[in-house]
């Protein structure tokens, strides 16, 4: 039978908890990148959010400015 002290157990649990947080953050990053690449929304609290990279966001801004410039 393996015996482990209370302090060692707490340290092990804390280490595994921190590893779980790091892993969860990495999974969320991957999910957001895939959603951005595929143009699919991420659902959070029953709302859809679209993720855009900086280049596509700039293209949208410039296209909007060009349309406004033509209409003036």
N, C-alpha and C. Protein backbone atom coordinates (compact mmCIF):
# COMPACT_ATOMS: atom_id res chain seq x y z
N UNK A 1 0.83 -1.17 0.00
CA UNK A 1 0.00 0.00 0.00
C UNK A 1 0.89 1.24 0.00
N UNK A 2 0.48 2.26 -0.78
CA UNK A 2 1.24 3.49 -0.90
C UNK A 2 0.72 4.50 0.11
N UNK A 3 1.63 5.01 0.92
CA UNK A 3 1.26 6.03 1.89
C UNK A 3 1.84 7.36 1.44
N UNK A 4 1.03 8.39 1.54
CA UNK A 4 1.47 9.72 1.15
C UNK A 4 1.02 10.70 2.22
N UNK A 5 1.89 11.62 2.56
CA UNK A 5 1.56 12.60 3.57
C UNK A 5 0.56 13.63 3.07
N UNK A 6 -0.09 14.28 4.00
CA UNK A 6 -1.11 15.27 3.66
C UNK A 6 -0.51 16.41 2.84
N UNK A 7 0.67 16.88 3.23
CA UNK A 7 1.33 17.98 2.50
C UNK A 7 1.70 17.55 1.08
N UNK A 8 2.23 16.34 0.95
CA UNK A 8 2.58 15.83 -0.39
C UNK A 8 1.33 15.69 -1.26
N UNK A 9 0.25 15.23 -0.67
CA UNK A 9 -1.01 15.09 -1.40
C UNK A 9 -1.51 16.45 -1.87
N UNK A 10 -1.47 17.44 -0.99
CA UNK A 10 -1.91 18.78 -1.36
C UNK A 10 -1.04 19.37 -2.48
N UNK A 11 0.27 19.14 -2.40
CA UNK A 11 1.16 19.62 -3.45
C UNK A 11 0.86 18.94 -4.79
N UNK A 12 0.62 17.65 -4.74
CA UNK A 12 0.30 16.89 -5.95
C UNK A 12 -1.03 17.36 -6.55
N UNK A 13 -2.01 17.56 -5.71
CA UNK A 13 -3.31 18.05 -6.18
C UNK A 13 -3.19 19.45 -6.79
N UNK A 14 -2.43 20.32 -6.17
CA UNK A 14 -2.23 21.67 -6.69
C UNK A 14 -1.51 21.63 -8.04
N UNK A 15 -0.51 20.78 -8.15
CA UNK A 15 0.24 20.64 -9.41
C UNK A 15 -0.70 20.16 -10.52
N UNK A 16 -1.49 19.16 -10.24
CA UNK A 16 -2.42 18.62 -11.24
C UNK A 16 -3.50 19.65 -11.60
N UNK A 17 -3.93 20.43 -10.63
CA UNK A 17 -4.91 21.48 -10.89
C UNK A 17 -4.33 22.52 -11.85
N UNK A 18 -3.09 22.96 -11.58
CA UNK A 18 -2.44 23.93 -12.45
C UNK A 18 -2.22 23.37 -13.85
N UNK A 19 -1.85 22.11 -13.96
CA UNK A 19 -1.69 21.47 -15.27
C UNK A 19 -3.02 21.44 -16.01
N UNK A 20 -4.10 21.20 -15.30
CA UNK A 20 -5.43 21.20 -15.90
C UNK A 20 -5.81 22.57 -16.43
N UNK A 21 -5.47 23.62 -15.69
CA UNK A 21 -5.75 24.99 -16.13
C UNK A 21 -4.97 25.28 -17.41
N UNK A 22 -3.68 24.95 -17.43
CA UNK A 22 -2.85 25.19 -18.62
C UNK A 22 -3.41 24.43 -19.82
N UNK A 23 -3.80 23.20 -19.61
CA UNK A 23 -4.35 22.38 -20.69
C UNK A 23 -5.67 22.97 -21.19
N UNK A 24 -6.52 23.42 -20.27
CA UNK A 24 -7.80 24.03 -20.65
C UNK A 24 -7.61 25.30 -21.47
N UNK A 25 -6.64 26.12 -21.08
CA UNK A 25 -6.35 27.35 -21.83
C UNK A 25 -5.86 27.00 -23.23
N UNK A 26 -5.00 26.00 -23.34
CA UNK A 26 -4.49 25.58 -24.65
C UNK A 26 -5.63 25.07 -25.54
N UNK A 27 -6.54 24.30 -24.97
CA UNK A 27 -7.68 23.81 -25.75
C UNK A 27 -8.56 24.95 -26.23
N UNK A 28 -8.76 25.97 -25.39
CA UNK A 28 -9.58 27.11 -25.77
C UNK A 28 -8.91 27.90 -26.89
N UNK A 29 -7.59 28.06 -26.82
CA UNK A 29 -6.86 28.73 -27.89
C UNK A 29 -7.04 28.00 -29.21
N UNK A 30 -6.91 26.68 -29.17
CA UNK A 30 -7.07 25.87 -30.38
C UNK A 30 -8.50 26.00 -30.93
N UNK A 31 -9.47 25.99 -30.05
CA UNK A 31 -10.87 26.12 -30.46
C UNK A 31 -11.12 27.47 -31.14
N UNK A 32 -10.55 28.52 -30.56
CA UNK A 32 -10.74 29.86 -31.14
C UNK A 32 -10.04 29.99 -32.48
N UNK A 33 -8.84 29.43 -32.60
CA UNK A 33 -8.13 29.49 -33.88
C UNK A 33 -8.89 28.73 -34.96
N UNK A 34 -9.41 27.56 -34.63
CA UNK A 34 -10.18 26.79 -35.61
C UNK A 34 -11.45 27.53 -36.02
N UNK A 35 -12.12 28.15 -35.07
CA UNK A 35 -13.32 28.91 -35.38
C UNK A 35 -12.98 30.08 -36.30
N UNK A 36 -11.87 30.73 -36.05
CA UNK A 36 -11.43 31.86 -36.89
C UNK A 36 -11.13 31.37 -38.30
N UNK A 37 -10.40 30.28 -38.42
CA UNK A 37 -10.02 29.75 -39.73
C UNK A 37 -11.24 29.25 -40.50
N UNK A 38 -12.20 28.67 -39.82
CA UNK A 38 -13.38 28.11 -40.49
C UNK A 38 -14.52 29.11 -40.64
N UNK A 39 -14.42 30.25 -39.97
CA UNK A 39 -15.50 31.23 -40.03
C UNK A 39 -16.74 30.80 -39.29
N UNK A 40 -16.57 29.94 -38.31
CA UNK A 40 -17.71 29.45 -37.54
C UNK A 40 -17.75 30.16 -36.18
N UNK A 41 -18.93 30.31 -35.62
CA UNK A 41 -19.03 31.01 -34.34
C UNK A 41 -18.66 30.12 -33.16
N UNK A 42 -18.33 30.78 -32.07
CA UNK A 42 -18.14 30.10 -30.78
C UNK A 42 -19.35 30.48 -29.94
N UNK A 43 -20.03 29.48 -29.39
CA UNK A 43 -21.21 29.75 -28.59
C UNK A 43 -20.82 29.88 -27.12
N UNK A 44 -21.20 31.02 -26.54
CA UNK A 44 -20.96 31.27 -25.12
C UNK A 44 -22.25 31.85 -24.54
N UNK A 45 -22.77 31.19 -23.53
CA UNK A 45 -24.00 31.64 -22.87
C UNK A 45 -25.13 31.89 -23.87
N UNK A 46 -25.32 30.95 -24.77
CA UNK A 46 -26.38 30.98 -25.77
C UNK A 46 -26.27 32.15 -26.75
N UNK A 47 -25.09 32.71 -26.89
CA UNK A 47 -24.83 33.74 -27.89
C UNK A 47 -23.70 33.28 -28.79
N UNK A 48 -23.76 33.65 -30.06
CA UNK A 48 -22.73 33.27 -31.03
C UNK A 48 -21.74 34.41 -31.20
N UNK A 49 -20.47 34.09 -31.09
CA UNK A 49 -19.40 35.07 -31.27
C UNK A 49 -18.50 34.59 -32.40
N UNK A 50 -18.21 35.50 -33.34
CA UNK A 50 -17.31 35.18 -34.43
C UNK A 50 -15.94 35.77 -34.13
N UNK A 51 -14.91 34.99 -34.37
CA UNK A 51 -13.54 35.41 -34.12
C UNK A 51 -12.90 35.74 -35.47
N UNK A 52 -12.28 36.92 -35.55
CA UNK A 52 -11.61 37.34 -36.78
C UNK A 52 -10.16 37.65 -36.46
N UNK A 53 -9.29 37.34 -37.41
CA UNK A 53 -7.90 37.72 -37.21
C UNK A 53 -7.72 39.18 -37.59
N UNK A 54 -6.55 39.73 -37.31
CA UNK A 54 -6.30 41.15 -37.51
C UNK A 54 -6.44 41.55 -38.97
N UNK A 55 -5.95 40.72 -39.89
CA UNK A 55 -5.99 41.06 -41.32
C UNK A 55 -7.43 41.14 -41.81
N UNK A 56 -8.25 40.15 -41.47
CA UNK A 56 -9.64 40.19 -41.94
C UNK A 56 -10.40 41.34 -41.30
N UNK A 57 -10.06 41.68 -40.07
CA UNK A 57 -10.68 42.82 -39.41
C UNK A 57 -10.31 44.13 -40.12
N UNK A 58 -9.04 44.28 -40.50
CA UNK A 58 -8.62 45.47 -41.24
C UNK A 58 -9.30 45.55 -42.60
N UNK A 59 -9.43 44.41 -43.28
CA UNK A 59 -10.11 44.40 -44.57
C UNK A 59 -11.56 44.88 -44.42
N UNK A 60 -12.22 44.44 -43.38
CA UNK A 60 -13.60 44.87 -43.13
C UNK A 60 -13.65 46.38 -42.87
N UNK A 61 -12.72 46.87 -42.08
CA UNK A 61 -12.69 48.31 -41.79
C UNK A 61 -12.46 49.11 -43.06
N UNK A 62 -11.47 48.71 -43.88
CA UNK A 62 -11.19 49.45 -45.11
C UNK A 62 -12.35 49.38 -46.10
N UNK A 63 -13.00 48.23 -46.18
CA UNK A 63 -14.16 48.10 -47.07
C UNK A 63 -15.28 49.03 -46.63
N UNK A 64 -15.49 49.12 -45.33
CA UNK A 64 -16.51 50.03 -44.80
C UNK A 64 -16.16 51.48 -45.11
N UNK A 65 -14.90 51.85 -44.93
CA UNK A 65 -14.46 53.21 -45.22
C UNK A 65 -14.60 53.53 -46.70
N UNK A 66 -14.28 52.56 -47.56
CA UNK A 66 -14.43 52.78 -49.01
C UNK A 66 -15.88 52.98 -49.38
N UNK A 67 -16.78 52.21 -48.82
CA UNK A 67 -18.21 52.37 -49.11
C UNK A 67 -18.71 53.74 -48.66
N UNK A 68 -18.27 54.16 -47.47
CA UNK A 68 -18.67 55.48 -46.98
C UNK A 68 -18.11 56.59 -47.86
N UNK A 69 -16.88 56.40 -48.34
CA UNK A 69 -16.25 57.39 -49.20
C UNK A 69 -16.97 57.53 -50.53
N UNK A 70 -17.47 56.44 -51.07
CA UNK A 70 -18.21 56.47 -52.34
C UNK A 70 -19.58 57.09 -52.19
N UNK A 71 -20.18 56.93 -51.00
CA UNK A 71 -21.54 57.45 -50.81
C UNK A 71 -21.56 58.93 -50.49
N UNK A 72 -20.41 59.52 -50.14
CA UNK A 72 -20.37 60.96 -49.80
C UNK A 72 -20.36 61.82 -51.02
